[in-house]
Each structure stands twice: as C-alpha cells, then as structure tokens.
Amino acid sequence: MVQTKVTSAEVAARAGVSQSAVSRVFTPGASASPKTVEKVRKAAQELGYRPNVLARAMVSGKSRMIGVVVAYLENQFYPDVLEKLSNAFQEKGYHVLVFMAANTSDNIDAVVDEILDYQVDGIIAASVSMSSDLSERCRAAQIPMVLFNRSQDDASMSAVTSANVDGGRKVAEFLLAGGHRKIGYIAGWEGASTQRDRETGFVDGLASAGVKLYARTVGNFHMDQARAATLEMFATDPPDAVFVANDHMALAVMDTLRFELGLRVPEDVSVVGYDDVAMCAWPSYNLTTVRQPANRMVAETVNVMLSKIQNIETIPRKIEIDGPLIVRGSARIPKGWPDEGI
C-alpha cells in the first residue's frame, strides 16, 4: 500500500477551520486563538499530520534555523554553551544546526558555504575567526553573523565576549597579592582574540606592579599540548605560579604538575584558569578561575542575532561582559582576600 501524506487542507476540513488557520497554528509567532489551536492540533494528531518545515521556509524565505560553527567540543565550555544557545533560540521559535570547522581559512570557508546551502537565517561563529572576505560574502547574501567568545577588528562584525582583558588583569592582581613574583603563562591558540586579550590584561597587570612575566609557553587550547607546555616550562628554574589561558588546558596542567612532576598544588605552585567549567568545582581540581558568564553571553548573542534578522542594517555591536574571579583551592589565597572573588 502506498501511504500518501496528509495535507493541511485535510486537517482544516477535519478541524472545521480555514487552511490559513492551520498554517498559523504551525507557524512560530503567528496568531491563533486557543480554541483554534486546540481544534487544529487535535485534528492533526488524529490524521498523523506533520507540517513541512522546509517547504514553508521556501515559501516564506525564512528557515527559522541558526547555523552555529565551532572549532572543537573537547573544551567543556562549548557543549554547555551549545545547549544554552539551542534552548534560548528554541524559546524564540528557532532551531540550531551545529557545524564543526577547524581554525583554518579554507576549512571555515567550506563549512560556511555548506551552512548557506541550508538557507539559515543567521550564523554564529563560536571559537572560530572569520576572514573579512567571508564576512563580506555573508553580508552580500544578507545572512547576519555574530561572533561568540571571539572578536576581531572588523568594525562591521557583531561580537559577544567576556571582558577578557579585565579578566587577565584580575588574575595578575590575585597572584601578586598572594606574594608570587615568578609567574608563568601558558597561552592558548595565538590566533584567537580571547587568548590575545587575556594575555594582554595579565601582562599589563603584572607590569603595573613592576613585575615581568617570568615564563611563557603555548598550549594552543589543547590538553596534550598543554601537558607538553607544562613540562617545558617546569624543566629548569620553574615558576611558583602559572596562569593558563583556559580551564581545558589548566586541568591538564594540574595533572601534569601533580602526577608527572610530583609538585603540590598550591603549596609548590599556584594554578589559575579561565572559563569556570563544571570540572573546576570537582574536589580533585578545585580550580581557581575567571568565570565566563555563559548565560548572559548567550542571552546577548540571541538578542543581537534576532535584531539583525529583523533588520540586517542593524548597527554592529561589540559586547563585553564582566566575569568574576572564582577563588578555590588551586592557588595561594592572599590574606584577607574576599571568598566570593572579584
């Protein structure tokens, strides 16, 4: 037997309403009375009707889908953010499509081309940087784009980040207040604005107290490279404190210090990270870190994106959201330091 698809006209006939009423019931944001909604959904359930979202998108020119590009999901910050973004957009009647892209221009270009094929209403680039050529192509296609947890010098690009420079400066002030002077830094991927800004704030904070960065290595935001960077930094005349550009690397740094080098944290060396992912609060890590206010960052990203969808000519916005230093047990706590952090 050949099963034919139930049409909206059949649902309308069963519910005793117009076909346009059926369309309104299944269109997010459209107006329909509670009585009409009840009748239409009851008829649809009885007939086994499902609206054709793709066909509706072709007619309206709106897919109600948002493409999200991420470079990697190993860092626990991003799975958490993706869940928050998905839930927030779903509340507004949109759905999120996730695409993976390594941080190379060729790879990102290819992924964005694929995203555009899905007729998305907007693109969010999380943890990846966009070329000026690529952003211009998106503007030409009238597809709004927002950078999340990344920024760049392109004045036409909207971006939402935490206050990374201030966050780095807070770490410097905290370690200096704890009496540290031999202070190292393990950098992330040097093409990332987050890495650049955190290091800038950190180094400036040290310099304001007349202290120079004691040691520097690069972990590229990967755990295995963070391990290698730790072994390099602590091979000779090691620092007594280290700021790590994100928690994903900081957890690997702590494991390497304790289990490979036999050092005590924080007795022999203080460790501070950035992000405040869930594992930081585990007793085995108890990591002092700067919290990225993910809920507020997501809320601002959704607001900016929806504004740009409604009006592609909306003035670009660069939003930085301050996050506190969360003081735990992985770093020496200065005498009299507030428990709630700064």
Protein backbone atom coordinates (compact mmCIF):
# COMPACT_ATOMS: atom_id res chain seq x y z
CA MET A 1 0.00 0.00 0.00
CA VAL A 2 1.21 3.49 -0.86
CA GLN A 3 0.91 5.90 2.06
CA THR A 4 0.10 9.46 0.96
CA LYS A 5 0.99 12.48 3.06
CA VAL A 6 -1.79 14.20 4.94
CA THR A 7 -2.25 17.79 3.73
CA SER A 8 -3.08 20.93 5.64
CA ALA A 9 -6.35 21.09 3.67
CA GLU A 10 -7.40 17.74 5.15
CA VAL A 11 -6.54 18.98 8.65
CA ALA A 12 -8.56 22.15 8.02
CA ALA A 13 -11.56 20.12 6.88
CA ARG A 14 -11.35 17.81 9.92
CA ALA A 15 -10.99 20.75 12.32
CA GLY A 16 -13.65 22.88 10.62
CA VAL A 17 -11.32 25.82 10.09
CA SER A 18 -9.64 27.51 7.14
CA GLN A 19 -6.36 26.28 5.67
CA SER A 20 -4.75 29.60 6.66
CA ALA A 21 -5.76 28.92 10.28
CA VAL A 22 -3.88 25.62 10.15
CA SER A 23 -0.85 27.45 8.78
CA ARG A 24 -0.98 30.00 11.61
CA VAL A 25 -1.16 27.29 14.26
CA PHE A 26 2.03 25.66 12.97
CA THR A 27 3.92 28.92 12.31
CA PRO A 28 6.02 30.08 15.30
CA GLY A 29 4.98 33.54 16.41
CA ALA A 30 1.76 33.59 14.36
CA SER A 31 -1.56 34.46 15.99
CA ALA A 32 -4.34 31.92 16.57
CA SER A 33 -7.00 31.65 19.26
CA PRO A 34 -6.63 28.94 21.93
CA LYS A 35 -9.83 27.29 20.63
CA THR A 36 -8.48 27.17 17.07
CA VAL A 37 -5.12 25.82 18.26
CA GLU A 38 -6.87 23.06 20.22
CA LYS A 39 -9.07 22.01 17.27
CA VAL A 40 -6.25 22.07 14.73
CA ARG A 41 -3.77 20.14 16.87
CA LYS A 42 -6.42 17.55 17.71
CA ALA A 43 -7.24 17.07 14.02
CA ALA A 44 -3.55 16.93 13.10
CA GLN A 45 -2.91 14.25 15.71
CA GLU A 46 -5.85 12.16 14.54
CA LEU A 47 -4.71 12.34 10.92
CA GLY A 48 -1.00 11.98 11.61
CA TYR A 49 -0.22 15.35 10.03
CA ARG A 50 3.21 16.96 10.30
CA PRO A 51 3.89 20.39 8.76
CA ASN A 52 6.56 20.53 6.06
CA VAL A 53 9.03 22.97 7.61
CA LEU A 54 11.34 23.05 4.59
CA ALA A 55 8.52 23.76 2.16
CA ARG A 56 7.27 26.56 4.37
CA ALA A 57 10.80 28.00 4.50
CA MET A 58 10.95 28.03 0.70
CA VAL A 59 7.71 29.99 0.53
CA SER A 60 8.47 32.43 3.35
CA GLY A 61 12.19 32.79 2.71
CA LYS A 62 12.79 32.06 6.42
CA SER A 63 14.06 28.66 7.61
CA ARG A 64 13.98 29.63 11.32
CA MET A 65 17.32 27.85 11.61
CA ILE A 66 20.55 29.29 13.01
CA GLY A 67 23.89 27.80 11.95
CA VAL A 68 26.49 27.57 14.73
CA VAL A 69 30.14 26.98 13.77
CA VAL A 70 32.51 25.61 16.43
CA ALA A 71 36.13 24.53 16.16
CA TYR A 72 36.09 21.82 18.82
CA LEU A 73 33.92 20.40 21.60
CA GLU A 74 36.63 18.94 23.88
CA ASN A 75 36.55 22.13 25.93
CA GLN A 76 33.54 21.69 28.22
CA PHE A 77 32.68 25.36 27.90
CA TYR A 78 31.32 24.85 24.38
CA PRO A 79 28.93 21.89 24.89
CA ASP A 80 27.40 23.87 27.75
CA VAL A 81 27.10 26.98 25.56
CA LEU A 82 25.59 25.00 22.67
CA GLU A 83 22.89 23.63 24.98
CA LYS A 84 22.13 27.13 26.25
CA LEU A 85 22.06 28.59 22.72
CA SER A 86 19.80 25.81 21.46
CA ASN A 87 17.33 26.24 24.34
CA ALA A 88 17.31 30.03 24.05
CA PHE A 89 16.68 30.02 20.29
CA GLN A 90 14.05 27.29 20.63
CA GLU A 91 12.12 29.53 23.01
CA LYS A 92 12.07 32.10 20.19
CA GLY A 93 10.89 29.57 17.59
CA TYR A 94 14.29 28.85 16.03
CA HIS A 95 16.43 25.73 15.82
CA VAL A 96 20.20 25.40 15.88
CA LEU A 97 22.30 23.47 13.35
CA VAL A 98 25.85 22.74 14.57
CA PHE A 99 28.79 22.59 12.15
CA MET A 100 32.39 21.70 13.03
CA ALA A 101 35.26 23.68 11.47
CA ALA A 102 38.97 23.66 12.20
CA ASN A 103 40.51 27.11 12.61
CA THR A 104 41.86 27.39 9.08
CA SER A 105 40.50 29.78 6.46
CA ASP A 106 39.94 27.06 3.83
CA ASN A 107 38.06 24.84 6.26
CA ILE A 108 35.89 27.64 7.62
CA ASP A 109 35.07 28.90 4.11
CA ALA A 110 33.93 25.42 3.07
CA VAL A 111 31.79 25.00 6.19
CA VAL A 112 30.12 28.40 5.79
CA ASP A 113 29.33 27.55 2.16
CA GLU A 114 27.61 24.41 3.43
CA ILE A 115 25.70 26.37 6.06
CA LEU A 116 24.45 28.83 3.45
CA ASP A 117 23.11 25.88 1.43
CA TYR A 118 20.75 25.17 4.34
CA GLN A 119 19.20 28.65 3.94
CA VAL A 120 19.83 29.51 7.58
CA ASP A 121 18.55 32.81 8.89
CA GLY A 122 21.81 33.60 10.70
CA ILE A 123 25.27 32.28 11.59
CA ILE A 124 27.00 32.26 14.97
CA ALA A 125 30.76 31.64 14.90
CA ALA A 126 31.88 30.25 18.27
CA SER A 127 35.60 29.69 18.86
CA VAL A 128 36.46 30.39 15.21
CA SER A 129 37.66 33.54 13.46
CA MET A 130 36.16 34.75 10.20
CA SER A 131 38.05 36.31 7.31
CA SER A 132 36.92 39.73 6.09
CA ASP A 133 36.17 38.14 2.70
CA LEU A 134 33.92 35.54 4.30
CA SER A 135 32.05 38.08 6.40
CA GLU A 136 31.52 40.19 3.25
CA ARG A 137 30.04 37.17 1.45
CA CYS A 138 27.58 36.64 4.29
CA ARG A 139 26.59 40.30 4.19
CA ALA A 140 26.08 40.06 0.42
CA ALA A 141 23.80 37.06 0.99
CA GLN A 142 22.00 39.09 3.71
CA ILE A 143 22.78 36.43 6.31
CA PRO A 144 23.60 38.09 9.64
CA MET A 145 26.60 36.79 11.57
CA VAL A 146 27.57 37.13 15.24
CA LEU A 147 30.89 36.10 16.78
CA PHE A 148 30.63 34.32 20.15
CA ASN A 149 33.61 34.21 22.53
CA ARG A 150 35.71 35.72 19.76
CA SER A 151 36.13 39.23 18.43
CA GLN A 152 38.03 40.79 15.56
CA ASP A 153 38.94 44.19 14.25
CA ASP A 154 36.27 44.18 11.51
CA ALA A 155 34.03 47.08 12.56
CA SER A 156 31.06 45.60 10.67
CA MET A 157 31.08 42.37 12.74
CA SER A 158 29.00 41.95 15.90
CA ALA A 159 30.68 40.04 18.73
CA VAL A 160 29.86 38.90 22.26
CA THR A 161 32.69 38.03 24.65
CA SER A 162 33.56 38.15 28.30
CA ALA A 163 35.77 41.05 29.42
CA ASN A 164 38.96 39.14 28.69
CA VAL A 165 41.47 41.96 29.27
CA ASP A 166 39.93 42.72 32.66
CA GLY A 167 39.84 39.01 33.46
CA GLY A 168 43.55 38.63 32.78
CA ARG A 169 44.29 41.69 34.92
CA LYS A 170 42.28 40.21 37.81
CA VAL A 171 44.41 37.07 37.72
CA ALA A 172 47.61 39.14 37.82
CA GLU A 173 46.37 41.15 40.82
CA PHE A 174 45.34 37.96 42.63
CA LEU A 175 48.68 36.19 42.14
CA LEU A 176 50.67 39.28 43.05
CA ALA A 177 48.58 39.74 46.22
CA GLY A 178 49.47 36.15 47.11
CA GLY A 179 53.14 37.03 47.10
CA HIS A 180 54.07 35.43 43.78
CA ARG A 181 56.77 37.01 41.65
CA LYS A 182 57.97 34.12 39.46
CA ILE A 183 54.77 33.92 37.43
CA GLY A 184 54.34 31.97 34.19
CA TYR A 185 51.68 31.97 31.49
CA ILE A 186 50.54 29.10 29.24
CA ALA A 187 48.97 30.62 26.15
CA GLY A 188 46.14 29.32 24.01
CA TRP A 189 45.94 29.44 20.22
CA GLU A 190 47.62 32.71 19.32
CA GLY A 191 45.20 33.46 16.50
CA ALA A 192 42.33 33.83 18.99
CA SER A 193 41.25 37.22 20.29
CA THR A 194 40.41 35.61 23.64
CA GLN A 195 43.99 34.41 24.02
CA ARG A 196 45.43 37.77 22.98
CA ASP A 197 43.18 39.79 25.30
CA ARG A 198 43.64 37.57 28.36
CA GLU A 199 47.41 37.70 27.98
CA THR A 200 47.36 41.46 27.40
CA GLY A 201 45.42 42.09 30.60
CA PHE A 202 47.59 39.65 32.54
CA VAL A 203 50.93 41.07 31.39
CA ASP A 204 49.70 44.65 31.90
CA GLY A 205 48.55 43.75 35.41
CA LEU A 206 51.97 42.35 36.27
CA ALA A 207 53.73 45.36 34.73
CA SER A 208 51.68 47.79 36.82
CA ALA A 209 53.37 46.24 39.88
CA GLY A 210 56.79 46.29 38.24
CA VAL A 211 56.80 42.53 37.61
CA LYS A 212 57.74 40.92 34.30
CA LEU A 213 56.30 37.67 33.00
CA TYR A 214 58.71 35.00 34.26
CA ALA A 215 58.00 32.21 31.74
CA ARG A 216 55.74 31.62 28.74
CA THR A 217 54.83 28.55 26.71
CA VAL A 218 51.97 27.76 24.29
CA GLY A 219 49.29 25.07 24.73
CA ASN A 220 47.04 26.08 21.79
CA PHE A 221 43.88 25.29 23.83
CA HIS A 222 44.62 21.52 23.62
CA MET A 223 45.22 19.27 26.63
CA ASP A 224 48.10 17.29 25.12
CA GLN A 225 49.89 20.47 24.07
CA ALA A 226 49.21 22.00 27.49
CA ARG A 227 50.95 18.98 29.05
CA ALA A 228 53.98 19.49 26.79
CA ALA A 229 53.97 23.23 27.56
CA THR A 230 53.98 22.45 31.29
CA LEU A 231 56.91 20.04 31.02
CA GLU A 232 58.83 22.67 29.05
CA MET A 233 58.07 25.48 31.50
CA PHE A 234 58.98 23.47 34.59
CA ALA A 235 62.07 21.75 33.21
CA THR A 236 64.51 24.25 34.79
CA ASP A 237 64.08 27.04 37.36
CA PRO A 238 60.27 26.74 37.35
CA PRO A 239 57.77 29.47 38.26
CA ASP A 240 55.85 29.40 41.55
CA ALA A 241 52.56 30.34 39.87
CA VAL A 242 51.04 29.87 36.43
CA PHE A 243 48.04 31.39 34.69
CA VAL A 244 46.59 29.12 31.99
CA ALA A 245 44.55 30.68 29.16
CA ASN A 246 41.55 28.37 29.69
CA ASP A 247 40.33 25.67 32.08
CA HIS A 248 40.53 22.92 29.46
CA MET A 249 44.31 23.32 29.48
CA ALA A 250 44.53 24.19 33.19
CA LEU A 251 43.13 20.79 34.19
CA ALA A 252 45.84 19.09 32.12
CA VAL A 253 48.45 21.41 33.64
CA MET A 254 47.39 20.43 37.17
CA ASP A 255 47.51 16.71 36.34
CA THR A 256 50.97 17.09 34.82
CA LEU A 257 52.30 19.06 37.77
CA ARG A 258 50.99 16.63 40.37
CA PHE A 259 51.30 13.22 38.76
CA GLU A 260 54.28 13.63 36.41
CA LEU A 261 56.41 16.24 38.16
CA GLY A 262 55.46 15.43 41.76
CA LEU A 263 54.63 19.05 42.63
CA ARG A 264 51.95 20.08 45.09
CA VAL A 265 49.18 22.47 44.07
CA PRO A 266 49.06 25.11 45.53
CA GLU A 267 51.87 24.52 48.05
CA ASP A 268 54.63 24.37 45.39
CA VAL A 269 52.87 26.16 42.54
CA SER A 270 49.61 28.07 42.20
CA VAL A 271 47.42 27.44 39.14
CA VAL A 272 44.66 29.71 37.80
CA GLY A 273 42.46 29.05 34.74
CA TYR A 274 39.75 30.83 32.75
CA ASP A 275 36.11 29.84 31.95
CA ASP A 276 34.85 28.11 35.13
CA VAL A 277 33.67 24.88 33.50
CA ALA A 278 31.88 22.36 35.73
CA MET A 279 35.02 20.26 36.41
CA CYS A 280 36.69 23.24 38.12
CA ALA A 281 34.47 22.70 41.15
CA TRP A 282 35.33 18.99 41.44
CA PRO A 283 37.26 18.38 44.68
CA SER A 284 40.09 16.75 42.70
CA TYR A 285 40.75 20.05 40.88
CA ASN A 286 39.16 22.82 42.96
CA LEU A 287 40.48 25.25 40.36
CA THR A 288 40.63 29.00 40.89
CA THR A 289 39.45 30.55 37.63
CA VAL A 290 37.80 33.52 35.95
CA ARG A 291 34.17 32.73 35.22
CA GLN A 292 32.81 33.40 31.76
CA PRO A 293 29.16 34.44 32.34
CA ALA A 294 27.77 31.98 29.78
CA ASN A 295 24.08 32.66 30.49
CA ARG A 296 24.46 36.40 29.93
CA MET A 297 26.72 35.90 26.91
CA VAL A 298 24.15 33.58 25.31
CA ALA A 299 21.27 35.95 26.08
CA GLU A 300 23.12 38.87 24.45
CA THR A 301 24.06 36.73 21.43
CA VAL A 302 20.44 35.71 20.88
CA ASN A 303 19.25 39.32 21.23
CA VAL A 304 21.85 40.61 18.76
CA MET A 305 21.11 37.85 16.26
CA LEU A 306 17.32 38.31 16.36
CA SER A 307 17.75 42.07 15.97
CA LYS A 308 19.93 41.52 12.90
CA ILE A 309 17.47 39.02 11.42
CA GLN A 310 14.67 41.56 11.78
CA ASN A 311 16.85 44.34 10.36
CA ILE A 312 20.02 43.36 8.52
CA GLU A 313 21.18 47.00 8.68
CA THR A 314 21.29 46.99 12.49
CA ILE A 315 24.42 48.75 13.76
CA PRO A 316 27.11 46.14 14.70
CA ARG A 317 27.67 45.71 18.43
CA LYS A 318 30.77 44.66 20.39
CA ILE A 319 29.61 43.40 23.78
CA GLU A 320 31.96 42.53 26.63
CA ILE A 321 30.51 41.04 29.82
CA ASP A 322 32.47 41.11 33.05
CA GLY A 323 33.04 37.84 34.89
CA PRO A 324 34.29 37.32 38.46
CA LEU A 325 37.43 35.58 39.63
CA ILE A 326 36.23 32.44 41.43
CA VAL A 327 38.63 31.67 44.26
CA ARG A 328 39.05 27.99 45.11
CA GLY A 329 41.97 25.93 46.37
CA SER A 330 44.38 25.60 43.42
CA ALA A 331 46.16 28.87 44.15
CA ARG A 332 47.55 30.55 47.25
CA ILE A 333 44.81 32.77 48.68
CA PRO A 334 46.06 36.19 49.77
CA LYS A 335 45.40 37.10 53.37
CA GLY A 336 42.07 38.90 53.69
CA TRP A 337 41.06 38.12 50.12
CA PRO A 338 37.22 38.04 49.71
CA ASP A 339 35.93 34.46 49.38
CA GLU A 340 33.42 35.41 46.70
CA GLY A 341 36.18 36.59 44.36
CA ILE A 342 36.32 39.80 42.32
